[in-house]
PDB file of N, CA and C in Angstrom:
ATOM      1  N   MET A   1       0.839  -1.176  -0.001  1.00  0.00           N
ATOM      2  CA  MET A   1       0.000   0.000   0.001  1.00  0.00           C
ATOM      3  C   MET A   1       0.889   1.240   0.002  1.00  0.00           C
ATOM      4  N   SER A   2       0.526   2.245  -0.760  1.00  0.00           N
ATOM      5  CA  SER A   2       1.346   3.437  -0.871  1.00  0.00           C
ATOM      6  C   SER A   2       1.043   4.417   0.258  1.00  0.00           C
ATOM      7  N   ASN A   3       1.963   5.366   0.421  1.00  0.00           N
ATOM      8  CA  ASN A   3       1.794   6.386   1.453  1.00  0.00           C
ATOM      9  C   ASN A   3       0.688   7.362   1.053  1.00  0.00           C
ATOM     10  N   PRO A   4      -0.013   7.914   2.036  1.00  0.00           N
ATOM     11  CA  PRO A   4      -1.065   8.887   1.718  1.00  0.00           C
ATOM     12  C   PRO A   4      -0.449  10.164   1.127  1.00  0.00           C
ATOM     13  N   ILE A   5      -1.186  10.768   0.221  1.00  0.00           N
ATOM     14  CA  ILE A   5      -0.740  12.019  -0.376  1.00  0.00           C
ATOM     15  C   ILE A   5      -1.197  13.153   0.540  1.00  0.00           C
ATOM     16  N   THR A   6      -0.223  13.896   1.083  1.00  0.00           N
ATOM     17  CA  THR A   6      -0.567  14.962   2.003  1.00  0.00           C
ATOM     18  C   THR A   6      -0.287  16.346   1.415  1.00  0.00           C
ATOM     19  N   ASN A   7       0.533  16.419   0.395  1.00  0.00           N
ATOM     20  CA  ASN A   7       0.853  17.678  -0.246  1.00  0.00           C
ATOM     21  C   ASN A   7      -0.313  18.098  -1.134  1.00  0.00           C
ATOM     22  N   LYS A   8      -0.794  19.344  -0.943  1.00  0.00           N
ATOM     23  CA  LYS A   8      -1.967  19.814  -1.686  1.00  0.00           C
ATOM     24  C   LYS A   8      -1.752  19.775  -3.191  1.00  0.00           C
ATOM     25  N   GLU A   9      -0.572  20.147  -3.648  1.00  0.00           N
ATOM     26  CA  GLU A   9      -0.301  20.142  -5.082  1.00  0.00           C
ATOM     27  C   GLU A   9      -0.363  18.735  -5.648  1.00  0.00           C
ATOM     28  N   GLN A  10       0.181  17.778  -4.917  1.00  0.00           N
ATOM     29  CA  GLN A  10       0.123  16.379  -5.349  1.00  0.00           C
ATOM     30  C   GLN A  10      -1.306  15.877  -5.352  1.00  0.00           C
ATOM     31  N   GLN A  11      -2.095  16.320  -4.392  1.00  0.00           N
ATOM     32  CA  GLN A  11      -3.501  15.923  -4.344  1.00  0.00           C
ATOM     33  C   GLN A  11      -4.242  16.426  -5.561  1.00  0.00           C
ATOM     34  N   VAL A  12      -3.999  17.669  -5.934  1.00  0.00           N
ATOM     35  CA  VAL A  12      -4.661  18.240  -7.110  1.00  0.00           C
ATOM     36  C   VAL A  12      -4.232  17.500  -8.370  1.00  0.00           C
ATOM     37  N   VAL A  13      -2.947  17.195  -8.490  1.00  0.00           N
ATOM     38  CA  VAL A  13      -2.453  16.455  -9.649  1.00  0.00           C
ATOM     39  C   VAL A  13      -3.122  15.082  -9.710  1.00  0.00           C
ATOM     40  N   TYR A  14      -3.206  14.410  -8.574  1.00  0.00           N
ATOM     41  CA  TYR A  14      -3.838  13.087  -8.528  1.00  0.00           C
ATOM     42  C   TYR A  14      -5.291  13.169  -8.989  1.00  0.00           C
ATOM     43  N   LEU A  15      -6.028  14.143  -8.455  1.00  0.00           N
ATOM     44  CA  LEU A  15      -7.447  14.284  -8.814  1.00  0.00           C
ATOM     45  C   LEU A  15      -7.608  14.622 -10.292  1.00  0.00           C
ATOM     46  N   LYS A  16      -6.753  15.472 -10.821  1.00  0.00           N
ATOM     47  CA  LYS A  16      -6.813  15.810 -12.236  1.00  0.00           C
ATOM     48  C   LYS A  16      -6.546  14.591 -13.113  1.00  0.00           C
ATOM     49  N   GLU A  17      -5.579  13.776 -12.710  1.00  0.00           N
ATOM     50  CA  GLU A  17      -5.275  12.559 -13.465  1.00  0.00           C
ATOM     51  C   GLU A  17      -6.455  11.595 -13.449  1.00  0.00           C
ATOM     52  N   ARG A  18      -7.059  11.430 -12.302  1.00  0.00           N
ATOM     53  CA  ARG A  18      -8.226  10.534 -12.194  1.00  0.00           C
ATOM     54  C   ARG A  18      -9.395  11.054 -13.008  1.00  0.00           C
ATOM     55  N   LEU A  19      -9.600  12.364 -12.978  1.00  0.00           N
ATOM     56  CA  LEU A  19     -10.677  12.964 -13.764  1.00  0.00           C
ATOM     57  C   LEU A  19     -10.408  12.794 -15.263  1.00  0.00           C
ATOM     58  N   GLU A  20      -9.153  12.947 -15.662  1.00  0.00           N
ATOM     59  CA  GLU A  20      -8.793  12.760 -17.070  1.00  0.00           C
ATOM     60  C   GLU A  20      -9.074  11.322 -17.513  1.00  0.00           C
ATOM     61  N   ILE A  21      -8.762  10.357 -16.660  1.00  0.00           N
ATOM     62  CA  ILE A  21      -9.055   8.954 -16.973  1.00  0.00           C
ATOM     63  C   ILE A  21     -10.558   8.768 -17.149  1.00  0.00           C
ATOM     64  N   PHE A  22     -11.333   9.346 -16.234  1.00  0.00           N
ATOM     65  CA  PHE A  22     -12.795   9.262 -16.323  1.00  0.00           C
ATOM     66  C   PHE A  22     -13.277   9.834 -17.651  1.00  0.00           C
ATOM     67  N   LEU A  23     -12.772  11.002 -18.003  1.00  0.00           N
ATOM     68  CA  LEU A  23     -13.205  11.649 -19.250  1.00  0.00           C
ATOM     69  C   LEU A  23     -12.813  10.825 -20.474  1.00  0.00           C
ATOM     70  N   GLU A  24     -11.657  10.185 -20.438  1.00  0.00           N
ATOM     71  CA  GLU A  24     -11.248   9.330 -21.551  1.00  0.00           C
ATOM     72  C   GLU A  24     -12.192   8.136 -21.687  1.00  0.00           C
ATOM     73  N   VAL A  25     -12.536   7.530 -20.557  1.00  0.00           N
ATOM     74  CA  VAL A  25     -13.467   6.395 -20.580  1.00  0.00           C
ATOM     75  C   VAL A  25     -14.829   6.856 -21.104  1.00  0.00           C
ATOM     76  N   LEU A  26     -15.285   7.977 -20.623  1.00  0.00           N
ATOM     77  CA  LEU A  26     -16.580   8.526 -21.043  1.00  0.00           C
ATOM     78  C   LEU A  26     -16.578   8.812 -22.544  1.00  0.00           C
ATOM     79  N   ASP A  27     -15.500   9.379 -23.012  1.00  0.00           N
ATOM     80  CA  ASP A  27     -15.388   9.719 -24.435  1.00  0.00           C
ATOM     81  C   ASP A  27     -15.356   8.468 -25.316  1.00  0.00           C
ATOM     82  N   ALA A  28     -14.824   7.378 -24.791  1.00  0.00           N
ATOM     83  CA  ALA A  28     -14.688   6.146 -25.571  1.00  0.00           C
ATOM     84  C   ALA A  28     -15.978   5.332 -25.648  1.00  0.00           C
ATOM     85  N   ILE A  29     -16.956   5.679 -24.844  1.00  0.00           N
ATOM     86  CA  ILE A  29     -18.198   4.911 -24.819  1.00  0.00           C
ATOM     87  C   ILE A  29     -19.033   5.210 -26.061  1.00  0.00           C
ATOM     88  N   ASP A  30     -19.496   4.154 -26.658  1.00  0.00           N
ATOM     89  CA  ASP A  30     -20.401   4.265 -27.816  1.00  0.00           C
ATOM     90  C   ASP A  30     -21.833   4.240 -27.287  1.00  0.00           C
ATOM     91  N   PRO A  31     -22.554   5.356 -27.405  1.00  0.00           N
ATOM     92  CA  PRO A  31     -23.915   5.409 -26.859  1.00  0.00           C
ATOM     93  C   PRO A  31     -24.829   4.311 -27.383  1.00  0.00           C
ATOM     94  N   GLU A  32     -24.587   3.869 -28.600  1.00  0.00           N
ATOM     95  CA  GLU A  32     -25.426   2.823 -29.192  1.00  0.00           C
ATOM     96  C   GLU A  32     -25.190   1.455 -28.558  1.00  0.00           C
ATOM     97  N   LYS A  33     -24.014   1.265 -27.972  1.00  0.00           N
ATOM     98  CA  LYS A  33     -23.650  -0.048 -27.429  1.00  0.00           C
ATOM     99  C   LYS A  33     -23.485  -0.040 -25.912  1.00  0.00           C
ATOM    100  N   THR A  34     -23.755   1.087 -25.281  1.00  0.00           N
ATOM    101  CA  THR A  34     -23.564   1.205 -23.837  1.00  0.00           C
ATOM    102  C   THR A  34     -24.599   0.368 -23.090  1.00  0.00           C
ATOM    103  N   GLU A  35     -24.113  -0.361 -22.104  1.00  0.00           N
ATOM    104  CA  GLU A  35     -24.984  -1.198 -21.285  1.00  0.00           C
ATOM    105  C   GLU A  35     -25.018  -0.645 -19.865  1.00  0.00           C
ATOM    106  N   LEU A  36     -25.926  -1.140 -19.079  1.00  0.00           N
ATOM    107  CA  LEU A  36     -26.092  -0.690 -17.709  1.00  0.00           C
ATOM    108  C   LEU A  36     -24.797  -0.846 -16.906  1.00  0.00           C
ATOM    109  N   GLU A  37     -24.057  -1.912 -17.145  1.00  0.00           N
ATOM    110  CA  GLU A  37     -22.803  -2.148 -16.434  1.00  0.00           C
ATOM    111  C   GLU A  37     -21.799  -1.042 -16.719  1.00  0.00           C
ATOM    112  N   ASP A  38     -21.803  -0.517 -17.946  1.00  0.00           N
ATOM    113  CA  ASP A  38     -20.906   0.574 -18.308  1.00  0.00           C
ATOM    114  C   ASP A  38     -21.252   1.833 -17.510  1.00  0.00           C
ATOM    115  N   ILE A  39     -22.517   2.118 -17.417  1.00  0.00           N
ATOM    116  CA  ILE A  39     -22.979   3.274 -16.653  1.00  0.00           C
ATOM    117  C   ILE A  39     -22.645   3.101 -15.177  1.00  0.00           C
ATOM    118  N   ASP A  40     -22.836   1.895 -14.667  1.00  0.00           N
ATOM    119  CA  ASP A  40     -22.506   1.610 -13.271  1.00  0.00           C
ATOM    120  C   ASP A  40     -21.015   1.834 -13.004  1.00  0.00           C
ATOM    121  N   ARG A  41     -20.168   1.428 -13.952  1.00  0.00           N
ATOM    122  CA  ARG A  41     -18.721   1.640 -13.808  1.00  0.00           C
ATOM    123  C   ARG A  41     -18.385   3.127 -13.764  1.00  0.00           C
ATOM    124  N   LEU A  42     -19.032   3.905 -14.607  1.00  0.00           N
ATOM    125  CA  LEU A  42     -18.804   5.351 -14.609  1.00  0.00           C
ATOM    126  C   LEU A  42     -19.235   5.981 -13.281  1.00  0.00           C
ATOM    127  N   ILE A  43     -20.370   5.545 -12.784  1.00  0.00           N
ATOM    128  CA  ILE A  43     -20.844   6.063 -11.492  1.00  0.00           C
ATOM    129  C   ILE A  43     -19.867   5.682 -10.389  1.00  0.00           C
ATOM    130  N   LYS A  44     -19.358   4.466 -10.420  1.00  0.00           N
ATOM    131  CA  LYS A  44     -18.383   4.014  -9.428  1.00  0.00           C
ATOM    132  C   LYS A  44     -17.112   4.849  -9.496  1.00  0.00           C
ATOM    133  N   MET A  45     -16.665   5.164 -10.706  1.00  0.00           N
ATOM    134  CA  MET A  45     -15.472   5.996 -10.866  1.00  0.00           C
ATOM    135  C   MET A  45     -15.693   7.373 -10.233  1.00  0.00           C
ATOM    136  N   MET A  46     -16.870   7.953 -10.467  1.00  0.00           N
ATOM    137  CA  MET A  46     -17.169   9.263  -9.900  1.00  0.00           C
ATOM    138  C   MET A  46     -17.295   9.191  -8.373  1.00  0.00           C
ATOM    139  N   ASP A  47     -17.893   8.129  -7.873  1.00  0.00           N
ATOM    140  CA  ASP A  47     -17.997   7.944  -6.418  1.00  0.00           C
ATOM    141  C   ASP A  47     -16.606   7.825  -5.792  1.00  0.00           C
ATOM    142  N   ASP A  48     -15.727   7.074  -6.439  1.00  0.00           N
ATOM    143  CA  ASP A  48     -14.366   6.922  -5.939  1.00  0.00           C
ATOM    144  C   ASP A  48     -13.626   8.258  -5.937  1.00  0.00           C
ATOM    145  N   LEU A  49     -13.822   9.030  -6.986  1.00  0.00           N
ATOM    146  CA  LEU A  49     -13.194  10.342  -7.079  1.00  0.00           C
ATOM    147  C   LEU A  49     -13.704  11.272  -5.972  1.00  0.00           C
ATOM    148  N   GLU A  50     -14.998  11.247  -5.756  1.00  0.00           N
ATOM    149  CA  GLU A  50     -15.586  12.069  -4.688  1.00  0.00           C
ATOM    150  C   GLU A  50     -15.048  11.642  -3.318  1.00  0.00           C
ATOM    151  N   GLU A  51     -14.941  10.346  -3.105  1.00  0.00           N
ATOM    152  CA  GLU A  51     -14.425   9.835  -1.839  1.00  0.00           C
ATOM    153  C   GLU A  51     -12.983  10.298  -1.615  1.00  0.00           C
ATOM    154  N   LYS A  52     -12.187  10.253  -2.662  1.00  0.00           N
ATOM    155  CA  LYS A  52     -10.799  10.681  -2.551  1.00  0.00           C
ATOM    156  C   LYS A  52     -10.711  12.181  -2.264  1.00  0.00           C
ATOM    157  N   MET A  53     -11.574  12.959  -2.889  1.00  0.00           N
ATOM    158  CA  MET A  53     -11.611  14.395  -2.616  1.00  0.00           C
ATOM    159  C   MET A  53     -11.938  14.652  -1.147  1.00  0.00           C
ATOM    160  N   ASP A  54     -12.892  13.918  -0.614  1.00  0.00           N
ATOM    161  CA  ASP A  54     -13.264  14.057   0.788  1.00  0.00           C
ATOM    162  C   ASP A  54     -12.096  13.685   1.705  1.00  0.00           C
ATOM    163  N   GLN A  55     -11.388  12.614   1.357  1.00  0.00           N
ATOM    164  CA  GLN A  55     -10.229  12.192   2.145  1.00  0.00           C
ATOM    165  C   GLN A  55      -9.171  13.294   2.163  1.00  0.00           C
ATOM    166  N   PHE A  56      -8.894  13.864   1.000  1.00  0.00           N
ATOM    167  CA  PHE A  56      -7.897  14.927   0.916  1.00  0.00           C
ATOM    168  C   PHE A  56      -8.339  16.131   1.735  1.00  0.00           C
ATOM    169  N   GLN A  57      -9.589  16.474   1.628  1.00  0.00           N
ATOM    170  CA  GLN A  57     -10.096  17.632   2.364  1.00  0.00           C
ATOM    171  C   GLN A  57      -9.971  17.402   3.871  1.00  0.00           C
ATOM    172  N   ASN A  58     -10.311  16.208   4.320  1.00  0.00           N
ATOM    173  CA  ASN A  58     -10.209  15.899   5.746  1.00  0.00           C
ATOM    174  C   ASN A  58      -8.766  15.933   6.222  1.00  0.00           C
ATOM    175  N   ARG A  59      -7.834  15.433   5.415  1.00  0.00           N
ATOM    176  CA  ARG A  59      -6.426  15.471   5.780  1.00  0.00           C
ATOM    177  C   ARG A  59      -5.954  16.924   5.916  1.00  0.00           C
ATOM    178  N   ASN A  60      -6.392  17.752   5.010  1.00  0.00           N
ATOM    179  CA  ASN A  60      -5.953  19.142   5.030  1.00  0.00           C
ATOM    180  C   ASN A  60      -6.557  19.906   6.187  1.00  0.00           C
ATOM    181  N   GLU A  61      -7.751  19.545   6.620  1.00  0.00           N
ATOM    182  CA  GLU A  61      -8.389  20.215   7.752  1.00  0.00           C
ATOM    183  C   GLU A  61      -7.730  19.832   9.066  1.00  0.00           C
ATOM    184  N   ILE A  62      -7.209  18.616   9.140  1.00  0.00           N
ATOM    185  CA  ILE A  62      -6.595  18.122  10.375  1.00  0.00           C
ATOM    186  C   ILE A  62      -5.253  18.823  10.617  1.00  0.00           C
ATOM    187  N   LYS A  63      -4.555  19.151   9.560  1.00  0.00           N
ATOM    188  CA  LYS A  63      -3.219  19.778   9.699  1.00  0.00           C
ATOM    189  C   LYS A  63      -3.259  21.063  10.459  1.00  0.00           C
TER     190      LYS A  63
END
């Protein structure tokens, strides 16, 4: 397991990278062939991103 990211700049870079991955996946989806599982995966990605943002915010508030 890796060390937690505590530096704000690194946190922003991490979130931007994750968001870019999400956007790439979203862009690659063919609306004609999209299934419920694909939508569920996208929702899970956004939930994970939101959770990570909350973790970073809590770490920064504790400092």
